PDBML (XML) file of the C-alpha atoms, coordinates in Angstrom:
<?xml version="1.0" encoding="UTF-8" ?>
<PDBx:datablock datablockName="MODEL"
   xmlns:PDBx="http://pdbml.pdb.org/schema/pdbx-v50.xsd"
   xmlns:xsi="http://www.w3.org/2001/XMLSchema-instance"
   xsi:schemaLocation="http://pdbml.pdb.org/schema/pdbx-v50.xsd pdbx-v50.xsd">
   <PDBx:atom_siteCategory>
      <PDBx:atom_site id="1">
         <PDBx:B_iso_or_equiv>0.00</PDBx:B_iso_or_equiv>
         <PDBx:Cartn_x>0.062</PDBx:Cartn_x>
         <PDBx:Cartn_y>-0.112</PDBx:Cartn_y>
         <PDBx:Cartn_z>-0.053</PDBx:Cartn_z>
         <PDBx:auth_asym_id>A</PDBx:auth_asym_id>
         <PDBx:auth_atom_id>CA</PDBx:auth_atom_id>
         <PDBx:auth_comp_id>ALA</PDBx:auth_comp_id>
         <PDBx:auth_seq_id>1</PDBx:auth_seq_id>
         <PDBx:group_PDB>ATOM</PDBx:group_PDB>
         <PDBx:label_alt_id xsi:nil="true" />
         <PDBx:label_asym_id>A</PDBx:label_asym_id>
         <PDBx:label_atom_id>CA</PDBx:label_atom_id>
         <PDBx:label_comp_id>ALA</PDBx:label_comp_id>
         <PDBx:label_entity_id>1</PDBx:label_entity_id>
         <PDBx:label_seq_id>1</PDBx:label_seq_id>
         <PDBx:occupancy>1.00</PDBx:occupancy>
         <PDBx:pdbx_PDB_model_num>1</PDBx:pdbx_PDB_model_num>
         <PDBx:type_symbol>C</PDBx:type_symbol>
      </PDBx:atom_site>
      <PDBx:atom_site id="2">
         <PDBx:B_iso_or_equiv>0.00</PDBx:B_iso_or_equiv>
         <PDBx:Cartn_x>3.206</PDBx:Cartn_x>
         <PDBx:Cartn_y>2.396</PDBx:Cartn_y>
         <PDBx:Cartn_z>0.825</PDBx:Cartn_z>
         <PDBx:auth_asym_id>A</PDBx:auth_asym_id>
         <PDBx:auth_atom_id>CA</PDBx:auth_atom_id>
         <PDBx:auth_comp_id>LYS</PDBx:auth_comp_id>
         <PDBx:auth_seq_id>2</PDBx:auth_seq_id>
         <PDBx:group_PDB>ATOM</PDBx:group_PDB>
         <PDBx:label_alt_id xsi:nil="true" />
         <PDBx:label_asym_id>A</PDBx:label_asym_id>
         <PDBx:label_atom_id>CA</PDBx:label_atom_id>
         <PDBx:label_comp_id>LYS</PDBx:label_comp_id>
         <PDBx:label_entity_id>1</PDBx:label_entity_id>
         <PDBx:label_seq_id>2</PDBx:label_seq_id>
         <PDBx:occupancy>1.00</PDBx:occupancy>
         <PDBx:pdbx_PDB_model_num>1</PDBx:pdbx_PDB_model_num>
         <PDBx:type_symbol>C</PDBx:type_symbol>
      </PDBx:atom_site>
      <PDBx:atom_site id="3">
         <PDBx:B_iso_or_equiv>0.00</PDBx:B_iso_or_equiv>
         <PDBx:Cartn_x>5.244</PDBx:Cartn_x>
         <PDBx:Cartn_y>1.154</PDBx:Cartn_y>
         <PDBx:Cartn_z>-2.085</PDBx:Cartn_z>
         <PDBx:auth_asym_id>A</PDBx:auth_asym_id>
         <PDBx:auth_atom_id>CA</PDBx:auth_atom_id>
         <PDBx:auth_comp_id>ASN</PDBx:auth_comp_id>
         <PDBx:auth_seq_id>3</PDBx:auth_seq_id>
         <PDBx:group_PDB>ATOM</PDBx:group_PDB>
         <PDBx:label_alt_id xsi:nil="true" />
         <PDBx:label_asym_id>A</PDBx:label_asym_id>
         <PDBx:label_atom_id>CA</PDBx:label_atom_id>
         <PDBx:label_comp_id>ASN</PDBx:label_comp_id>
         <PDBx:label_entity_id>1</PDBx:label_entity_id>
         <PDBx:label_seq_id>3</PDBx:label_seq_id>
         <PDBx:occupancy>1.00</PDBx:occupancy>
         <PDBx:pdbx_PDB_model_num>1</PDBx:pdbx_PDB_model_num>
         <PDBx:type_symbol>C</PDBx:type_symbol>
      </PDBx:atom_site>
      <PDBx:atom_site id="4">
         <PDBx:B_iso_or_equiv>0.00</PDBx:B_iso_or_equiv>
         <PDBx:Cartn_x>7.816</PDBx:Cartn_x>
         <PDBx:Cartn_y>0.635</PDBx:Cartn_y>
         <PDBx:Cartn_z>0.213</PDBx:Cartn_z>
         <PDBx:auth_asym_id>A</PDBx:auth_asym_id>
         <PDBx:auth_atom_id>CA</PDBx:auth_atom_id>
         <PDBx:auth_comp_id>THR</PDBx:auth_comp_id>
         <PDBx:auth_seq_id>4</PDBx:auth_seq_id>
         <PDBx:group_PDB>ATOM</PDBx:group_PDB>
         <PDBx:label_alt_id xsi:nil="true" />
         <PDBx:label_asym_id>A</PDBx:label_asym_id>
         <PDBx:label_atom_id>CA</PDBx:label_atom_id>
         <PDBx:label_comp_id>THR</PDBx:label_comp_id>
         <PDBx:label_entity_id>1</PDBx:label_entity_id>
         <PDBx:label_seq_id>4</PDBx:label_seq_id>
         <PDBx:occupancy>1.00</PDBx:occupancy>
         <PDBx:pdbx_PDB_model_num>1</PDBx:pdbx_PDB_model_num>
         <PDBx:type_symbol>C</PDBx:type_symbol>
      </PDBx:atom_site>
      <PDBx:atom_site id="5">
         <PDBx:B_iso_or_equiv>0.00</PDBx:B_iso_or_equiv>
         <PDBx:Cartn_x>10.386</PDBx:Cartn_x>
         <PDBx:Cartn_y>-2.085</PDBx:Cartn_y>
         <PDBx:Cartn_z>1.020</PDBx:Cartn_z>
         <PDBx:auth_asym_id>A</PDBx:auth_asym_id>
         <PDBx:auth_atom_id>CA</PDBx:auth_atom_id>
         <PDBx:auth_comp_id>VAL</PDBx:auth_comp_id>
         <PDBx:auth_seq_id>5</PDBx:auth_seq_id>
         <PDBx:group_PDB>ATOM</PDBx:group_PDB>
         <PDBx:label_alt_id xsi:nil="true" />
         <PDBx:label_asym_id>A</PDBx:label_asym_id>
         <PDBx:label_atom_id>CA</PDBx:label_atom_id>
         <PDBx:label_comp_id>VAL</PDBx:label_comp_id>
         <PDBx:label_entity_id>1</PDBx:label_entity_id>
         <PDBx:label_seq_id>5</PDBx:label_seq_id>
         <PDBx:occupancy>1.00</PDBx:occupancy>
         <PDBx:pdbx_PDB_model_num>1</PDBx:pdbx_PDB_model_num>
         <PDBx:type_symbol>C</PDBx:type_symbol>
      </PDBx:atom_site>
      <PDBx:atom_site id="6">
         <PDBx:B_iso_or_equiv>0.00</PDBx:B_iso_or_equiv>
         <PDBx:Cartn_x>12.421</PDBx:Cartn_x>
         <PDBx:Cartn_y>-2.877</PDBx:Cartn_y>
         <PDBx:Cartn_z>3.858</PDBx:Cartn_z>
         <PDBx:auth_asym_id>A</PDBx:auth_asym_id>
         <PDBx:auth_atom_id>CA</PDBx:auth_atom_id>
         <PDBx:auth_comp_id>TYR</PDBx:auth_comp_id>
         <PDBx:auth_seq_id>6</PDBx:auth_seq_id>
         <PDBx:group_PDB>ATOM</PDBx:group_PDB>
         <PDBx:label_alt_id xsi:nil="true" />
         <PDBx:label_asym_id>A</PDBx:label_asym_id>
         <PDBx:label_atom_id>CA</PDBx:label_atom_id>
         <PDBx:label_comp_id>TYR</PDBx:label_comp_id>
         <PDBx:label_entity_id>1</PDBx:label_entity_id>
         <PDBx:label_seq_id>6</PDBx:label_seq_id>
         <PDBx:occupancy>1.00</PDBx:occupancy>
         <PDBx:pdbx_PDB_model_num>1</PDBx:pdbx_PDB_model_num>
         <PDBx:type_symbol>C</PDBx:type_symbol>
      </PDBx:atom_site>
      <PDBx:atom_site id="7">
         <PDBx:B_iso_or_equiv>0.00</PDBx:B_iso_or_equiv>
         <PDBx:Cartn_x>15.563</PDBx:Cartn_x>
         <PDBx:Cartn_y>-4.715</PDBx:Cartn_y>
         <PDBx:Cartn_z>5.075</PDBx:Cartn_z>
         <PDBx:auth_asym_id>A</PDBx:auth_asym_id>
         <PDBx:auth_atom_id>CA</PDBx:auth_atom_id>
         <PDBx:auth_comp_id>LEU</PDBx:auth_comp_id>
         <PDBx:auth_seq_id>7</PDBx:auth_seq_id>
         <PDBx:group_PDB>ATOM</PDBx:group_PDB>
         <PDBx:label_alt_id xsi:nil="true" />
         <PDBx:label_asym_id>A</PDBx:label_asym_id>
         <PDBx:label_atom_id>CA</PDBx:label_atom_id>
         <PDBx:label_comp_id>LEU</PDBx:label_comp_id>
         <PDBx:label_entity_id>1</PDBx:label_entity_id>
         <PDBx:label_seq_id>7</PDBx:label_seq_id>
         <PDBx:occupancy>1.00</PDBx:occupancy>
         <PDBx:pdbx_PDB_model_num>1</PDBx:pdbx_PDB_model_num>
         <PDBx:type_symbol>C</PDBx:type_symbol>
      </PDBx:atom_site>
      <PDBx:atom_site id="8">
         <PDBx:B_iso_or_equiv>0.00</PDBx:B_iso_or_equiv>
         <PDBx:Cartn_x>16.036</PDBx:Cartn_x>
         <PDBx:Cartn_y>-5.200</PDBx:Cartn_y>
         <PDBx:Cartn_z>8.903</PDBx:Cartn_z>
         <PDBx:auth_asym_id>A</PDBx:auth_asym_id>
         <PDBx:auth_atom_id>CA</PDBx:auth_atom_id>
         <PDBx:auth_comp_id>GLN</PDBx:auth_comp_id>
         <PDBx:auth_seq_id>8</PDBx:auth_seq_id>
         <PDBx:group_PDB>ATOM</PDBx:group_PDB>
         <PDBx:label_alt_id xsi:nil="true" />
         <PDBx:label_asym_id>A</PDBx:label_asym_id>
         <PDBx:label_atom_id>CA</PDBx:label_atom_id>
         <PDBx:label_comp_id>GLN</PDBx:label_comp_id>
         <PDBx:label_entity_id>1</PDBx:label_entity_id>
         <PDBx:label_seq_id>8</PDBx:label_seq_id>
         <PDBx:occupancy>1.00</PDBx:occupancy>
         <PDBx:pdbx_PDB_model_num>1</PDBx:pdbx_PDB_model_num>
         <PDBx:type_symbol>C</PDBx:type_symbol>
      </PDBx:atom_site>
      <PDBx:atom_site id="9">
         <PDBx:B_iso_or_equiv>0.00</PDBx:B_iso_or_equiv>
         <PDBx:Cartn_x>19.873</PDBx:Cartn_x>
         <PDBx:Cartn_y>-6.333</PDBx:Cartn_y>
         <PDBx:Cartn_z>9.216</PDBx:Cartn_z>
         <PDBx:auth_asym_id>A</PDBx:auth_asym_id>
         <PDBx:auth_atom_id>CA</PDBx:auth_atom_id>
         <PDBx:auth_comp_id>MET</PDBx:auth_comp_id>
         <PDBx:auth_seq_id>9</PDBx:auth_seq_id>
         <PDBx:group_PDB>ATOM</PDBx:group_PDB>
         <PDBx:label_alt_id xsi:nil="true" />
         <PDBx:label_asym_id>A</PDBx:label_asym_id>
         <PDBx:label_atom_id>CA</PDBx:label_atom_id>
         <PDBx:label_comp_id>MET</PDBx:label_comp_id>
         <PDBx:label_entity_id>1</PDBx:label_entity_id>
         <PDBx:label_seq_id>9</PDBx:label_seq_id>
         <PDBx:occupancy>1.00</PDBx:occupancy>
         <PDBx:pdbx_PDB_model_num>1</PDBx:pdbx_PDB_model_num>
         <PDBx:type_symbol>C</PDBx:type_symbol>
      </PDBx:atom_site>
      <PDBx:atom_site id="10">
         <PDBx:B_iso_or_equiv>0.00</PDBx:B_iso_or_equiv>
         <PDBx:Cartn_x>20.608</PDBx:Cartn_x>
         <PDBx:Cartn_y>-7.831</PDBx:Cartn_y>
         <PDBx:Cartn_z>12.628</PDBx:Cartn_z>
         <PDBx:auth_asym_id>A</PDBx:auth_asym_id>
         <PDBx:auth_atom_id>CA</PDBx:auth_atom_id>
         <PDBx:auth_comp_id>ASN</PDBx:auth_comp_id>
         <PDBx:auth_seq_id>10</PDBx:auth_seq_id>
         <PDBx:group_PDB>ATOM</PDBx:group_PDB>
         <PDBx:label_alt_id xsi:nil="true" />
         <PDBx:label_asym_id>A</PDBx:label_asym_id>
         <PDBx:label_atom_id>CA</PDBx:label_atom_id>
         <PDBx:label_comp_id>ASN</PDBx:label_comp_id>
         <PDBx:label_entity_id>1</PDBx:label_entity_id>
         <PDBx:label_seq_id>10</PDBx:label_seq_id>
         <PDBx:occupancy>1.00</PDBx:occupancy>
         <PDBx:pdbx_PDB_model_num>1</PDBx:pdbx_PDB_model_num>
         <PDBx:type_symbol>C</PDBx:type_symbol>
      </PDBx:atom_site>
      <PDBx:atom_site id="11">
         <PDBx:B_iso_or_equiv>0.00</PDBx:B_iso_or_equiv>
         <PDBx:Cartn_x>24.050</PDBx:Cartn_x>
         <PDBx:Cartn_y>-9.371</PDBx:Cartn_y>
         <PDBx:Cartn_z>13.646</PDBx:Cartn_z>
         <PDBx:auth_asym_id>A</PDBx:auth_asym_id>
         <PDBx:auth_atom_id>CA</PDBx:auth_atom_id>
         <PDBx:auth_comp_id>SER</PDBx:auth_comp_id>
         <PDBx:auth_seq_id>11</PDBx:auth_seq_id>
         <PDBx:group_PDB>ATOM</PDBx:group_PDB>
         <PDBx:label_alt_id xsi:nil="true" />
         <PDBx:label_asym_id>A</PDBx:label_asym_id>
         <PDBx:label_atom_id>CA</PDBx:label_atom_id>
         <PDBx:label_comp_id>SER</PDBx:label_comp_id>
         <PDBx:label_entity_id>1</PDBx:label_entity_id>
         <PDBx:label_seq_id>11</PDBx:label_seq_id>
         <PDBx:occupancy>1.00</PDBx:occupancy>
         <PDBx:pdbx_PDB_model_num>1</PDBx:pdbx_PDB_model_num>
         <PDBx:type_symbol>C</PDBx:type_symbol>
      </PDBx:atom_site>
      <PDBx:atom_site id="12">
         <PDBx:B_iso_or_equiv>0.00</PDBx:B_iso_or_equiv>
         <PDBx:Cartn_x>26.118</PDBx:Cartn_x>
         <PDBx:Cartn_y>-6.892</PDBx:Cartn_y>
         <PDBx:Cartn_z>11.282</PDBx:Cartn_z>
         <PDBx:auth_asym_id>A</PDBx:auth_asym_id>
         <PDBx:auth_atom_id>CA</PDBx:auth_atom_id>
         <PDBx:auth_comp_id>LEU</PDBx:auth_comp_id>
         <PDBx:auth_seq_id>12</PDBx:auth_seq_id>
         <PDBx:group_PDB>ATOM</PDBx:group_PDB>
         <PDBx:label_alt_id xsi:nil="true" />
         <PDBx:label_asym_id>A</PDBx:label_asym_id>
         <PDBx:label_atom_id>CA</PDBx:label_atom_id>
         <PDBx:label_comp_id>LEU</PDBx:label_comp_id>
         <PDBx:label_entity_id>1</PDBx:label_entity_id>
         <PDBx:label_seq_id>12</PDBx:label_seq_id>
         <PDBx:occupancy>1.00</PDBx:occupancy>
         <PDBx:pdbx_PDB_model_num>1</PDBx:pdbx_PDB_model_num>
         <PDBx:type_symbol>C</PDBx:type_symbol>
      </PDBx:atom_site>
      <PDBx:atom_site id="13">
         <PDBx:B_iso_or_equiv>0.00</PDBx:B_iso_or_equiv>
         <PDBx:Cartn_x>29.438</PDBx:Cartn_x>
         <PDBx:Cartn_y>-7.853</PDBx:Cartn_y>
         <PDBx:Cartn_z>10.651</PDBx:Cartn_z>
         <PDBx:auth_asym_id>A</PDBx:auth_asym_id>
         <PDBx:auth_atom_id>CA</PDBx:auth_atom_id>
         <PDBx:auth_comp_id>LYS</PDBx:auth_comp_id>
         <PDBx:auth_seq_id>13</PDBx:auth_seq_id>
         <PDBx:group_PDB>ATOM</PDBx:group_PDB>
         <PDBx:label_alt_id xsi:nil="true" />
         <PDBx:label_asym_id>A</PDBx:label_asym_id>
         <PDBx:label_atom_id>CA</PDBx:label_atom_id>
         <PDBx:label_comp_id>LYS</PDBx:label_comp_id>
         <PDBx:label_entity_id>1</PDBx:label_entity_id>
         <PDBx:label_seq_id>13</PDBx:label_seq_id>
         <PDBx:occupancy>1.00</PDBx:occupancy>
         <PDBx:pdbx_PDB_model_num>1</PDBx:pdbx_PDB_model_num>
         <PDBx:type_symbol>C</PDBx:type_symbol>
      </PDBx:atom_site>
      <PDBx:atom_site id="14">
         <PDBx:B_iso_or_equiv>0.00</PDBx:B_iso_or_equiv>
         <PDBx:Cartn_x>32.068</PDBx:Cartn_x>
         <PDBx:Cartn_y>-5.762</PDBx:Cartn_y>
         <PDBx:Cartn_z>8.986</PDBx:Cartn_z>
         <PDBx:auth_asym_id>A</PDBx:auth_asym_id>
         <PDBx:auth_atom_id>CA</PDBx:auth_atom_id>
         <PDBx:auth_comp_id>PRO</PDBx:auth_comp_id>
         <PDBx:auth_seq_id>14</PDBx:auth_seq_id>
         <PDBx:group_PDB>ATOM</PDBx:group_PDB>
         <PDBx:label_alt_id xsi:nil="true" />
         <PDBx:label_asym_id>A</PDBx:label_asym_id>
         <PDBx:label_atom_id>CA</PDBx:label_atom_id>
         <PDBx:label_comp_id>PRO</PDBx:label_comp_id>
         <PDBx:label_entity_id>1</PDBx:label_entity_id>
         <PDBx:label_seq_id>14</PDBx:label_seq_id>
         <PDBx:occupancy>1.00</PDBx:occupancy>
         <PDBx:pdbx_PDB_model_num>1</PDBx:pdbx_PDB_model_num>
         <PDBx:type_symbol>C</PDBx:type_symbol>
      </PDBx:atom_site>
      <PDBx:atom_site id="15">
         <PDBx:B_iso_or_equiv>0.00</PDBx:B_iso_or_equiv>
         <PDBx:Cartn_x>32.045</PDBx:Cartn_x>
         <PDBx:Cartn_y>-7.663</PDBx:Cartn_y>
         <PDBx:Cartn_z>6.007</PDBx:Cartn_z>
         <PDBx:auth_asym_id>A</PDBx:auth_asym_id>
         <PDBx:auth_atom_id>CA</PDBx:auth_atom_id>
         <PDBx:auth_comp_id>GLU</PDBx:auth_comp_id>
         <PDBx:auth_seq_id>15</PDBx:auth_seq_id>
         <PDBx:group_PDB>ATOM</PDBx:group_PDB>
         <PDBx:label_alt_id xsi:nil="true" />
         <PDBx:label_asym_id>A</PDBx:label_asym_id>
         <PDBx:label_atom_id>CA</PDBx:label_atom_id>
         <PDBx:label_comp_id>GLU</PDBx:label_comp_id>
         <PDBx:label_entity_id>1</PDBx:label_entity_id>
         <PDBx:label_seq_id>15</PDBx:label_seq_id>
         <PDBx:occupancy>1.00</PDBx:occupancy>
         <PDBx:pdbx_PDB_model_num>1</PDBx:pdbx_PDB_model_num>
         <PDBx:type_symbol>C</PDBx:type_symbol>
      </PDBx:atom_site>
      <PDBx:atom_site id="16">
         <PDBx:B_iso_or_equiv>0.00</PDBx:B_iso_or_equiv>
         <PDBx:Cartn_x>28.401</PDBx:Cartn_x>
         <PDBx:Cartn_y>-6.271</PDBx:Cartn_y>
         <PDBx:Cartn_z>5.323</PDBx:Cartn_z>
         <PDBx:auth_asym_id>A</PDBx:auth_asym_id>
         <PDBx:auth_atom_id>CA</PDBx:auth_atom_id>
         <PDBx:auth_comp_id>ASP</PDBx:auth_comp_id>
         <PDBx:auth_seq_id>16</PDBx:auth_seq_id>
         <PDBx:group_PDB>ATOM</PDBx:group_PDB>
         <PDBx:label_alt_id xsi:nil="true" />
         <PDBx:label_asym_id>A</PDBx:label_asym_id>
         <PDBx:label_atom_id>CA</PDBx:label_atom_id>
         <PDBx:label_comp_id>ASP</PDBx:label_comp_id>
         <PDBx:label_entity_id>1</PDBx:label_entity_id>
         <PDBx:label_seq_id>16</PDBx:label_seq_id>
         <PDBx:occupancy>1.00</PDBx:occupancy>
         <PDBx:pdbx_PDB_model_num>1</PDBx:pdbx_PDB_model_num>
         <PDBx:type_symbol>C</PDBx:type_symbol>
      </PDBx:atom_site>
      <PDBx:atom_site id="17">
         <PDBx:B_iso_or_equiv>0.00</PDBx:B_iso_or_equiv>
         <PDBx:Cartn_x>29.889</PDBx:Cartn_x>
         <PDBx:Cartn_y>-2.826</PDBx:Cartn_y>
         <PDBx:Cartn_z>4.978</PDBx:Cartn_z>
         <PDBx:auth_asym_id>A</PDBx:auth_asym_id>
         <PDBx:auth_atom_id>CA</PDBx:auth_atom_id>
         <PDBx:auth_comp_id>THR</PDBx:auth_comp_id>
         <PDBx:auth_seq_id>17</PDBx:auth_seq_id>
         <PDBx:group_PDB>ATOM</PDBx:group_PDB>
         <PDBx:label_alt_id xsi:nil="true" />
         <PDBx:label_asym_id>A</PDBx:label_asym_id>
         <PDBx:label_atom_id>CA</PDBx:label_atom_id>
         <PDBx:label_comp_id>THR</PDBx:label_comp_id>
         <PDBx:label_entity_id>1</PDBx:label_entity_id>
         <PDBx:label_seq_id>17</PDBx:label_seq_id>
         <PDBx:occupancy>1.00</PDBx:occupancy>
         <PDBx:pdbx_PDB_model_num>1</PDBx:pdbx_PDB_model_num>
         <PDBx:type_symbol>C</PDBx:type_symbol>
      </PDBx:atom_site>
      <PDBx:atom_site id="18">
         <PDBx:B_iso_or_equiv>0.00</PDBx:B_iso_or_equiv>
         <PDBx:Cartn_x>28.825</PDBx:Cartn_x>
         <PDBx:Cartn_y>-1.550</PDBx:Cartn_y>
         <PDBx:Cartn_z>1.464</PDBx:Cartn_z>
         <PDBx:auth_asym_id>A</PDBx:auth_asym_id>
         <PDBx:auth_atom_id>CA</PDBx:auth_atom_id>
         <PDBx:auth_comp_id>ALA</PDBx:auth_comp_id>
         <PDBx:auth_seq_id>18</PDBx:auth_seq_id>
         <PDBx:group_PDB>ATOM</PDBx:group_PDB>
         <PDBx:label_alt_id xsi:nil="true" />
         <PDBx:label_asym_id>A</PDBx:label_asym_id>
         <PDBx:label_atom_id>CA</PDBx:label_atom_id>
         <PDBx:label_comp_id>ALA</PDBx:label_comp_id>
         <PDBx:label_entity_id>1</PDBx:label_entity_id>
         <PDBx:label_seq_id>18</PDBx:label_seq_id>
         <PDBx:occupancy>1.00</PDBx:occupancy>
         <PDBx:pdbx_PDB_model_num>1</PDBx:pdbx_PDB_model_num>
         <PDBx:type_symbol>C</PDBx:type_symbol>
      </PDBx:atom_site>
      <PDBx:atom_site id="19">
         <PDBx:B_iso_or_equiv>0.00</PDBx:B_iso_or_equiv>
         <PDBx:Cartn_x>26.424</PDBx:Cartn_x>
         <PDBx:Cartn_y>0.871</PDBx:Cartn_y>
         <PDBx:Cartn_z>-0.218</PDBx:Cartn_z>
         <PDBx:auth_asym_id>A</PDBx:auth_asym_id>
         <PDBx:auth_atom_id>CA</PDBx:auth_atom_id>
         <PDBx:auth_comp_id>VAL</PDBx:auth_comp_id>
         <PDBx:auth_seq_id>19</PDBx:auth_seq_id>
         <PDBx:group_PDB>ATOM</PDBx:group_PDB>
         <PDBx:label_alt_id xsi:nil="true" />
         <PDBx:label_asym_id>A</PDBx:label_asym_id>
         <PDBx:label_atom_id>CA</PDBx:label_atom_id>
         <PDBx:label_comp_id>VAL</PDBx:label_comp_id>
         <PDBx:label_entity_id>1</PDBx:label_entity_id>
         <PDBx:label_seq_id>19</PDBx:label_seq_id>
         <PDBx:occupancy>1.00</PDBx:occupancy>
         <PDBx:pdbx_PDB_model_num>1</PDBx:pdbx_PDB_model_num>
         <PDBx:type_symbol>C</PDBx:type_symbol>
      </PDBx:atom_site>
      <PDBx:atom_site id="20">
         <PDBx:B_iso_or_equiv>0.00</PDBx:B_iso_or_equiv>
         <PDBx:Cartn_x>22.828</PDBx:Cartn_x>
         <PDBx:Cartn_y>-0.382</PDBx:Cartn_y>
         <PDBx:Cartn_z>-0.437</PDBx:Cartn_z>
         <PDBx:auth_asym_id>A</PDBx:auth_asym_id>
         <PDBx:auth_atom_id>CA</PDBx:auth_atom_id>
         <PDBx:auth_comp_id>TYR</PDBx:auth_comp_id>
         <PDBx:auth_seq_id>20</PDBx:auth_seq_id>
         <PDBx:group_PDB>ATOM</PDBx:group_PDB>
         <PDBx:label_alt_id xsi:nil="true" />
         <PDBx:label_asym_id>A</PDBx:label_asym_id>
         <PDBx:label_atom_id>CA</PDBx:label_atom_id>
         <PDBx:label_comp_id>TYR</PDBx:label_comp_id>
         <PDBx:label_entity_id>1</PDBx:label_entity_id>
         <PDBx:label_seq_id>20</PDBx:label_seq_id>
         <PDBx:occupancy>1.00</PDBx:occupancy>
         <PDBx:pdbx_PDB_model_num>1</PDBx:pdbx_PDB_model_num>
         <PDBx:type_symbol>C</PDBx:type_symbol>
      </PDBx:atom_site>
      <PDBx:atom_site id="21">
         <PDBx:B_iso_or_equiv>0.00</PDBx:B_iso_or_equiv>
         <PDBx:Cartn_x>21.046</PDBx:Cartn_x>
         <PDBx:Cartn_y>0.039</PDBx:Cartn_y>
         <PDBx:Cartn_z>-3.333</PDBx:Cartn_z>
         <PDBx:auth_asym_id>A</PDBx:auth_asym_id>
         <PDBx:auth_atom_id>CA</PDBx:auth_atom_id>
         <PDBx:auth_comp_id>TYR</PDBx:auth_comp_id>
         <PDBx:auth_seq_id>21</PDBx:auth_seq_id>
         <PDBx:group_PDB>ATOM</PDBx:group_PDB>
         <PDBx:label_alt_id xsi:nil="true" />
         <PDBx:label_asym_id>A</PDBx:label_asym_id>
         <PDBx:label_atom_id>CA</PDBx:label_atom_id>
         <PDBx:label_comp_id>TYR</PDBx:label_comp_id>
         <PDBx:label_entity_id>1</PDBx:label_entity_id>
         <PDBx:label_seq_id>21</PDBx:label_seq_id>
         <PDBx:occupancy>1.00</PDBx:occupancy>
         <PDBx:pdbx_PDB_model_num>1</PDBx:pdbx_PDB_model_num>
         <PDBx:type_symbol>C</PDBx:type_symbol>
      </PDBx:atom_site>
      <PDBx:atom_site id="22">
         <PDBx:B_iso_or_equiv>0.00</PDBx:B_iso_or_equiv>
         <PDBx:Cartn_x>17.070</PDBx:Cartn_x>
         <PDBx:Cartn_y>-0.281</PDBx:Cartn_y>
         <PDBx:Cartn_z>-3.460</PDBx:Cartn_z>
         <PDBx:auth_asym_id>A</PDBx:auth_asym_id>
         <PDBx:auth_atom_id>CA</PDBx:auth_atom_id>
         <PDBx:auth_comp_id>CYS</PDBx:auth_comp_id>
         <PDBx:auth_seq_id>22</PDBx:auth_seq_id>
         <PDBx:group_PDB>ATOM</PDBx:group_PDB>
         <PDBx:label_alt_id xsi:nil="true" />
         <PDBx:label_asym_id>A</PDBx:label_asym_id>
         <PDBx:label_atom_id>CA</PDBx:label_atom_id>
         <PDBx:label_comp_id>CYS</PDBx:label_comp_id>
         <PDBx:label_entity_id>1</PDBx:label_entity_id>
         <PDBx:label_seq_id>22</PDBx:label_seq_id>
         <PDBx:occupancy>1.00</PDBx:occupancy>
         <PDBx:pdbx_PDB_model_num>1</PDBx:pdbx_PDB_model_num>
         <PDBx:type_symbol>C</PDBx:type_symbol>
      </PDBx:atom_site>
      <PDBx:atom_site id="23">
         <PDBx:B_iso_or_equiv>0.00</PDBx:B_iso_or_equiv>
         <PDBx:Cartn_x>15.534</PDBx:Cartn_x>
         <PDBx:Cartn_y>-1.516</PDBx:Cartn_y>
         <PDBx:Cartn_z>-6.723</PDBx:Cartn_z>
         <PDBx:auth_asym_id>A</PDBx:auth_asym_id>
         <PDBx:auth_atom_id>CA</PDBx:auth_atom_id>
         <PDBx:auth_comp_id>ASN</PDBx:auth_comp_id>
         <PDBx:auth_seq_id>23</PDBx:auth_seq_id>
         <PDBx:group_PDB>ATOM</PDBx:group_PDB>
         <PDBx:label_alt_id xsi:nil="true" />
         <PDBx:label_asym_id>A</PDBx:label_asym_id>
         <PDBx:label_atom_id>CA</PDBx:label_atom_id>
         <PDBx:label_comp_id>ASN</PDBx:label_comp_id>
         <PDBx:label_entity_id>1</PDBx:label_entity_id>
         <PDBx:label_seq_id>23</PDBx:label_seq_id>
         <PDBx:occupancy>1.00</PDBx:occupancy>
         <PDBx:pdbx_PDB_model_num>1</PDBx:pdbx_PDB_model_num>
         <PDBx:type_symbol>C</PDBx:type_symbol>
      </PDBx:atom_site>
      <PDBx:atom_site id="24">
         <PDBx:B_iso_or_equiv>0.00</PDBx:B_iso_or_equiv>
         <PDBx:Cartn_x>11.742</PDBx:Cartn_x>
         <PDBx:Cartn_y>-2.110</PDBx:Cartn_y>
         <PDBx:Cartn_z>-7.798</PDBx:Cartn_z>
         <PDBx:auth_asym_id>A</PDBx:auth_asym_id>
         <PDBx:auth_atom_id>CA</PDBx:auth_atom_id>
         <PDBx:auth_comp_id>ALA</PDBx:auth_comp_id>
         <PDBx:auth_seq_id>24</PDBx:auth_seq_id>
         <PDBx:group_PDB>ATOM</PDBx:group_PDB>
         <PDBx:label_alt_id xsi:nil="true" />
         <PDBx:label_asym_id>A</PDBx:label_asym_id>
         <PDBx:label_atom_id>CA</PDBx:label_atom_id>
         <PDBx:label_comp_id>ALA</PDBx:label_comp_id>
         <PDBx:label_entity_id>1</PDBx:label_entity_id>
         <PDBx:label_seq_id>24</PDBx:label_seq_id>
         <PDBx:occupancy>1.00</PDBx:occupancy>
         <PDBx:pdbx_PDB_model_num>1</PDBx:pdbx_PDB_model_num>
         <PDBx:type_symbol>C</PDBx:type_symbol>
      </PDBx:atom_site>
      <PDBx:atom_site id="25">
         <PDBx:B_iso_or_equiv>0.00</PDBx:B_iso_or_equiv>
         <PDBx:Cartn_x>10.400</PDBx:Cartn_x>
         <PDBx:Cartn_y>-3.878</PDBx:Cartn_y>
         <PDBx:Cartn_z>-10.905</PDBx:Cartn_z>
         <PDBx:auth_asym_id>A</PDBx:auth_asym_id>
         <PDBx:auth_atom_id>CA</PDBx:auth_atom_id>
         <PDBx:auth_comp_id>VAL</PDBx:auth_comp_id>
         <PDBx:auth_seq_id>25</PDBx:auth_seq_id>
         <PDBx:group_PDB>ATOM</PDBx:group_PDB>
         <PDBx:label_alt_id xsi:nil="true" />
         <PDBx:label_asym_id>A</PDBx:label_asym_id>
         <PDBx:label_atom_id>CA</PDBx:label_atom_id>
         <PDBx:label_comp_id>VAL</PDBx:label_comp_id>
         <PDBx:label_entity_id>1</PDBx:label_entity_id>
         <PDBx:label_seq_id>25</PDBx:label_seq_id>
         <PDBx:occupancy>1.00</PDBx:occupancy>
         <PDBx:pdbx_PDB_model_num>1</PDBx:pdbx_PDB_model_num>
         <PDBx:type_symbol>C</PDBx:type_symbol>
      </PDBx:atom_site>
   </PDBx:atom_siteCategory>
</PDBx:datablock>
């Protein structure tokens, strides 16, 4: 309904370091 996507990230590690990009089709 809100055209929104979420990403809950837990137990983060240094290797998760990055630029995160949202995408939609």
